[in-house]
């Protein structure tokens, strides 16, 4: 299938590794010019080198720093005069129980996960509206619909805020040619997944392999996803193949979420 993305301009945040990198890779393969972001210059350069160099803009900085986000916006405007596709991805906050986190931890999670997505959308949405074509995909987690037994309080709260933002924004801009959707990856094998697994094992006082088996017992397909399996769904939502899809919440979870809606 031709996704008709050749020449489109895409920004994928938190994309030097994991799901974000996989999304950037798939979009680049479909012919997009892709801007990637990351905090670690070495990892970011390695990611850039793995993608078609003539199509990649590598932006070093931290999502939690507003000045970095504004600098990225200026760099993209100077290079491409905006973007057509915005894939909003972030790392996750610390894993722990509710009582472990005070106001500073809550504010830090908000600044790292919610505020950057608002700032970037405000920066690039006007251009999408003006050309009457745009795609915004917000990446969260199945924890939004099916929270874990323990450890996910900050992630669930912040990602739920992003899910609400996507739904509301979809309604507001649908008549202007901008489609906004929300993707919930299920268990996906990344460096972040390993850290979560280790922290949950510590909270339960159980071996990590036992926690891993319990996680996969809730996934009908019986395995973790590969990042590329998430990325391919994101690419379709960014394309003309999904031209009548907006305001949707799409689980990519191997059947993990059990709710009907």
Protein backbone atom coordinates (compact mmCIF):
# COMPACT_ATOMS: atom_id res chain seq x y z
CA UNK A 1 0.00 0.00 0.00
CA UNK A 2 1.24 3.47 -0.89
CA UNK A 3 0.72 5.61 2.22
CA UNK A 4 1.24 8.77 0.13
CA UNK A 5 3.70 10.24 2.60
CA UNK A 6 6.55 10.99 0.22
CA UNK A 7 7.92 14.47 0.88
CA UNK A 8 5.89 15.06 4.04
CA UNK A 9 7.66 16.77 6.95
CA UNK A 10 7.47 14.92 10.26
CA UNK A 11 8.65 15.66 13.79
CA UNK A 12 8.89 12.66 16.11
CA UNK A 13 9.82 13.48 19.69
CA UNK A 14 11.92 11.30 22.01
CA UNK A 15 13.08 9.42 18.94
CA UNK A 16 16.73 8.51 19.39
CA UNK A 17 15.73 5.00 20.54
CA UNK A 18 12.78 2.73 21.27
CA UNK A 19 9.32 3.32 19.85
CA UNK A 20 10.11 6.90 18.84
CA UNK A 21 13.08 5.82 16.73
CA UNK A 22 11.03 3.05 15.12
CA UNK A 23 8.35 5.59 14.15
CA UNK A 24 10.99 7.91 12.64
CA UNK A 25 12.49 4.99 10.74
CA UNK A 26 9.18 3.85 9.23
CA UNK A 27 8.20 7.39 8.25
CA UNK A 28 11.60 7.93 6.62
CA UNK A 29 11.19 4.67 4.70
CA UNK A 30 7.85 6.01 3.45
CA UNK A 31 9.61 9.06 2.04
CA UNK A 32 9.12 11.60 4.84
CA UNK A 33 11.65 14.15 5.90
CA UNK A 34 11.98 13.41 9.61
CA UNK A 35 13.14 15.49 12.57
CA UNK A 36 14.22 13.43 15.58
CA UNK A 37 14.95 14.58 19.12
CA UNK A 38 16.94 13.25 22.06
CA UNK A 39 18.85 14.29 25.17
CA UNK A 40 21.98 12.21 24.54
CA UNK A 41 23.98 13.70 21.63
CA UNK A 42 25.84 10.43 21.00
CA UNK A 43 22.69 8.34 20.83
CA UNK A 44 20.96 11.00 18.73
CA UNK A 45 23.81 11.04 16.21
CA UNK A 46 23.78 7.24 16.03
CA UNK A 47 20.04 7.36 15.34
CA UNK A 48 20.50 10.01 12.66
CA UNK A 49 23.17 7.88 11.03
CA UNK A 50 20.76 4.95 10.84
CA UNK A 51 18.24 6.96 8.81
CA UNK A 52 18.46 8.39 5.28
CA UNK A 53 20.75 11.36 5.97
CA UNK A 54 19.23 13.68 3.38
CA UNK A 55 15.83 13.37 5.08
CA UNK A 56 16.81 13.71 8.76
CA UNK A 57 17.08 16.71 11.06
CA UNK A 58 18.57 15.78 14.45
CA UNK A 59 17.60 18.09 17.33
CA UNK A 60 19.47 17.73 20.61
CA UNK A 61 17.75 18.78 23.81
CA UNK A 62 15.37 17.90 26.61
CA UNK A 63 11.59 17.76 26.30
CA UNK A 64 11.35 19.01 29.88
CA UNK A 65 13.11 22.27 28.96
CA UNK A 66 10.82 24.81 27.29
CA UNK A 67 13.78 26.68 25.82
CA UNK A 68 14.91 23.52 24.01
CA UNK A 69 11.45 22.99 22.56
CA UNK A 70 11.26 26.58 21.33
CA UNK A 71 14.73 26.21 19.77
CA UNK A 72 13.59 23.03 17.97
CA UNK A 73 10.56 24.89 16.63
CA UNK A 74 12.79 27.66 15.28
CA UNK A 75 15.18 25.18 13.67
CA UNK A 76 12.36 23.30 11.95
CA UNK A 77 10.72 26.50 10.76
CA UNK A 78 14.04 27.67 9.33
CA UNK A 79 14.72 24.34 7.59
CA UNK A 80 11.26 23.26 6.48
CA UNK A 81 8.82 26.06 7.29
CA UNK A 82 6.81 23.79 9.56
CA UNK A 83 5.71 20.18 9.69
CA UNK A 84 2.85 18.14 8.29
CA UNK A 85 3.09 15.34 10.85
CA UNK A 86 3.64 15.63 14.59
CA UNK A 87 4.19 12.43 16.58
CA UNK A 88 4.19 13.24 20.28
CA UNK A 89 6.18 10.68 22.21
CA UNK A 90 7.98 10.92 25.54
CA UNK A 91 9.91 8.90 28.03
CA UNK A 92 8.19 7.88 31.23
CA UNK A 93 8.33 9.20 34.79
CA UNK A 94 9.67 7.30 37.80
CA UNK A 95 7.82 4.13 38.76
CA UNK A 96 6.56 3.98 42.35
CA UNK A 97 3.61 4.09 44.68
CA UNK A 98 1.43 7.15 45.19
CA UNK A 99 2.85 7.96 48.63
CA UNK A 100 6.41 8.12 47.27
CA UNK A 101 5.78 11.24 45.20
CA UNK A 102 5.37 14.81 46.41
CA UNK A 103 4.51 18.04 44.56
CA UNK A 104 7.93 18.35 42.93
CA UNK A 105 7.72 14.89 41.39
CA UNK A 106 4.23 15.64 40.06
CA UNK A 107 5.35 18.96 38.59
CA UNK A 108 8.43 17.36 37.06
CA UNK A 109 6.31 14.67 35.38
CA UNK A 110 3.94 17.34 34.02
CA UNK A 111 6.81 19.42 32.65
CA UNK A 112 8.41 16.41 30.98
CA UNK A 113 5.32 14.72 29.55
CA UNK A 114 2.35 17.08 29.15
CA UNK A 115 3.63 20.65 28.78
CA UNK A 116 6.05 19.79 25.91
CA UNK A 117 3.23 18.28 23.87
CA UNK A 118 1.07 21.36 24.36
CA UNK A 119 3.97 23.67 23.43
CA UNK A 120 4.86 21.74 20.27
CA UNK A 121 1.24 21.51 19.16
CA UNK A 122 0.82 25.25 19.63
CA UNK A 123 3.96 25.82 17.56
CA UNK A 124 3.00 23.68 14.55
CA UNK A 125 -0.79 23.47 14.50
CA UNK A 126 -1.26 26.93 12.90
CA UNK A 127 0.76 25.81 9.86
CA UNK A 128 -1.28 22.63 9.53
CA UNK A 129 -4.50 24.62 9.72
CA UNK A 130 -3.28 27.11 7.14
CA UNK A 131 -2.50 24.38 4.60
CA UNK A 132 -5.60 22.39 5.65
CA UNK A 133 -3.63 19.16 6.09
CA UNK A 134 -1.98 17.75 9.17
CA UNK A 135 -1.59 14.68 11.31
CA UNK A 136 -1.00 14.61 15.06
CA UNK A 137 -0.49 11.27 16.80
CA UNK A 138 -0.13 11.12 20.57
CA UNK A 139 1.65 8.06 21.97
CA UNK A 140 0.74 6.99 25.49
CA UNK A 141 0.28 3.48 26.92
CA UNK A 142 -2.39 0.88 27.61
CA UNK A 143 -1.99 1.99 31.23
CA UNK A 144 -4.41 4.79 30.32
CA UNK A 145 -7.20 2.20 30.05
CA UNK A 146 -5.85 -0.61 32.17
CA UNK A 147 -3.49 0.66 34.91
CA UNK A 148 -0.91 -1.72 36.36
CA UNK A 149 -1.28 -3.20 39.82
CA UNK A 150 1.40 -0.91 41.19
CA UNK A 151 4.01 1.65 40.23
CA UNK A 152 2.26 3.52 37.44
CA UNK A 153 0.58 6.43 39.21
CA UNK A 154 2.58 9.25 37.59
CA UNK A 155 2.51 7.66 34.14
CA UNK A 156 -1.22 6.90 34.26
CA UNK A 157 -2.08 10.44 35.33
CA UNK A 158 0.12 12.23 32.77
CA UNK A 159 -0.70 9.95 29.86
CA UNK A 160 -4.41 10.20 30.65
CA UNK A 161 -4.08 13.98 30.37
CA UNK A 162 -2.53 13.53 26.92
CA UNK A 163 -5.32 11.17 25.88
CA UNK A 164 -7.85 13.83 26.87
CA UNK A 165 -5.92 16.49 24.98
CA UNK A 166 -5.92 14.38 21.81
CA UNK A 167 -9.66 13.75 21.99
CA UNK A 168 -10.56 17.38 22.57
CA UNK A 169 -8.15 18.69 19.94
CA UNK A 170 -9.46 16.24 17.35
CA UNK A 171 -12.93 17.74 17.71
CA UNK A 172 -11.67 21.31 17.45
CA UNK A 173 -9.58 20.95 14.28
CA UNK A 174 -11.31 18.20 12.28
CA UNK A 175 -13.01 20.72 9.99
CA UNK A 176 -9.65 22.21 9.05
CA UNK A 177 -8.06 19.07 7.62
CA UNK A 178 -6.05 18.15 10.72
CA UNK A 179 -6.53 14.64 12.12
CA UNK A 180 -5.57 13.87 15.72
CA UNK A 181 -5.35 10.34 17.06
CA UNK A 182 -4.09 8.55 20.15
CA UNK A 183 -2.10 5.30 20.11
CA UNK A 184 -1.73 3.11 23.20
CA UNK A 185 1.20 0.70 22.91
CA UNK A 186 0.98 -2.37 25.10
CA UNK A 187 4.05 -4.16 26.47
CA UNK A 188 6.85 -3.33 24.04
CA UNK A 189 10.40 -4.51 24.54
CA UNK A 190 12.58 -1.41 24.98
CA UNK A 191 15.15 -0.13 27.49
CA UNK A 192 12.29 1.62 29.31
CA UNK A 193 10.38 -1.67 29.57
CA UNK A 194 13.37 -3.31 31.22
CA UNK A 195 13.56 -0.53 33.82
CA UNK A 196 9.82 -0.76 34.57
CA UNK A 197 10.09 -4.51 34.93
CA UNK A 198 12.95 -4.20 37.40
CA UNK A 199 11.16 -1.54 39.46
CA UNK A 200 7.90 -3.50 39.58
CA UNK A 201 9.83 -6.57 40.67
CA UNK A 202 11.35 -4.55 43.51
CA UNK A 203 7.93 -3.23 44.56
CA UNK A 204 6.48 -6.75 44.63
CA UNK A 205 9.53 -8.34 46.18
CA UNK A 206 9.57 -10.86 43.34
CA UNK A 207 12.11 -11.91 40.68
CA UNK A 208 11.98 -9.89 37.47
CA UNK A 209 11.33 -13.03 35.39
CA UNK A 210 8.26 -13.78 37.51
CA UNK A 211 6.90 -10.28 36.92
CA UNK A 212 7.63 -10.63 33.21
CA UNK A 213 5.70 -13.90 33.04
CA UNK A 214 2.77 -12.28 34.87
CA UNK A 215 2.80 -9.37 32.40
CA UNK A 216 2.75 -11.66 29.39
CA UNK A 217 0.01 -13.78 30.94
CA UNK A 218 -2.28 -10.78 30.41
CA UNK A 219 -1.34 -10.50 26.71
CA UNK A 220 -3.29 -12.97 24.54
CA UNK A 221 -0.52 -12.99 21.92
CA UNK A 222 1.85 -14.02 24.70
CA UNK A 223 4.80 -11.76 23.90
CA UNK A 224 6.12 -8.22 23.93
CA UNK A 225 5.68 -6.11 20.82
CA UNK A 226 8.66 -4.98 18.79
CA UNK A 227 8.87 -1.16 18.49
CA UNK A 228 8.38 -1.40 14.72
CA UNK A 229 4.99 -3.04 15.22
CA UNK A 230 3.83 0.12 17.01
CA UNK A 231 5.49 2.36 14.43
CA UNK A 232 3.69 0.81 11.48
CA UNK A 233 0.29 1.59 13.01
CA UNK A 234 1.40 5.17 13.68
CA UNK A 235 2.51 5.52 10.05
CA UNK A 236 -0.89 4.43 8.78
CA UNK A 237 -2.62 6.99 11.01
CA UNK A 238 -0.32 9.65 9.55
CA UNK A 239 -1.28 8.72 6.01
CA UNK A 240 -4.07 9.05 3.49
CA UNK A 241 -5.01 5.45 4.28
CA UNK A 242 -6.57 6.77 7.51
CA UNK A 243 -8.17 9.90 6.06
CA UNK A 244 -11.49 9.31 7.88
CA UNK A 245 -9.96 8.49 11.26
CA UNK A 246 -9.73 11.19 13.92
CA UNK A 247 -10.34 11.31 17.65
CA UNK A 248 -9.61 7.59 17.84
CA UNK A 249 -7.84 5.70 20.59
CA UNK A 250 -5.98 2.80 19.04
CA UNK A 251 -4.54 0.05 21.25
CA UNK A 252 -1.57 -1.81 19.81
CA UNK A 253 -1.33 -4.30 22.61
CA UNK A 254 -1.65 -7.89 21.50
CA UNK A 255 -5.16 -7.97 22.94
CA UNK A 256 -4.13 -6.91 26.45
CA UNK A 257 -6.85 -4.31 27.11
CA UNK A 258 -10.06 -6.14 28.03
CA UNK A 259 -12.57 -3.28 27.96
CA UNK A 260 -15.05 -3.11 25.10
CA UNK A 261 -14.56 0.64 24.58
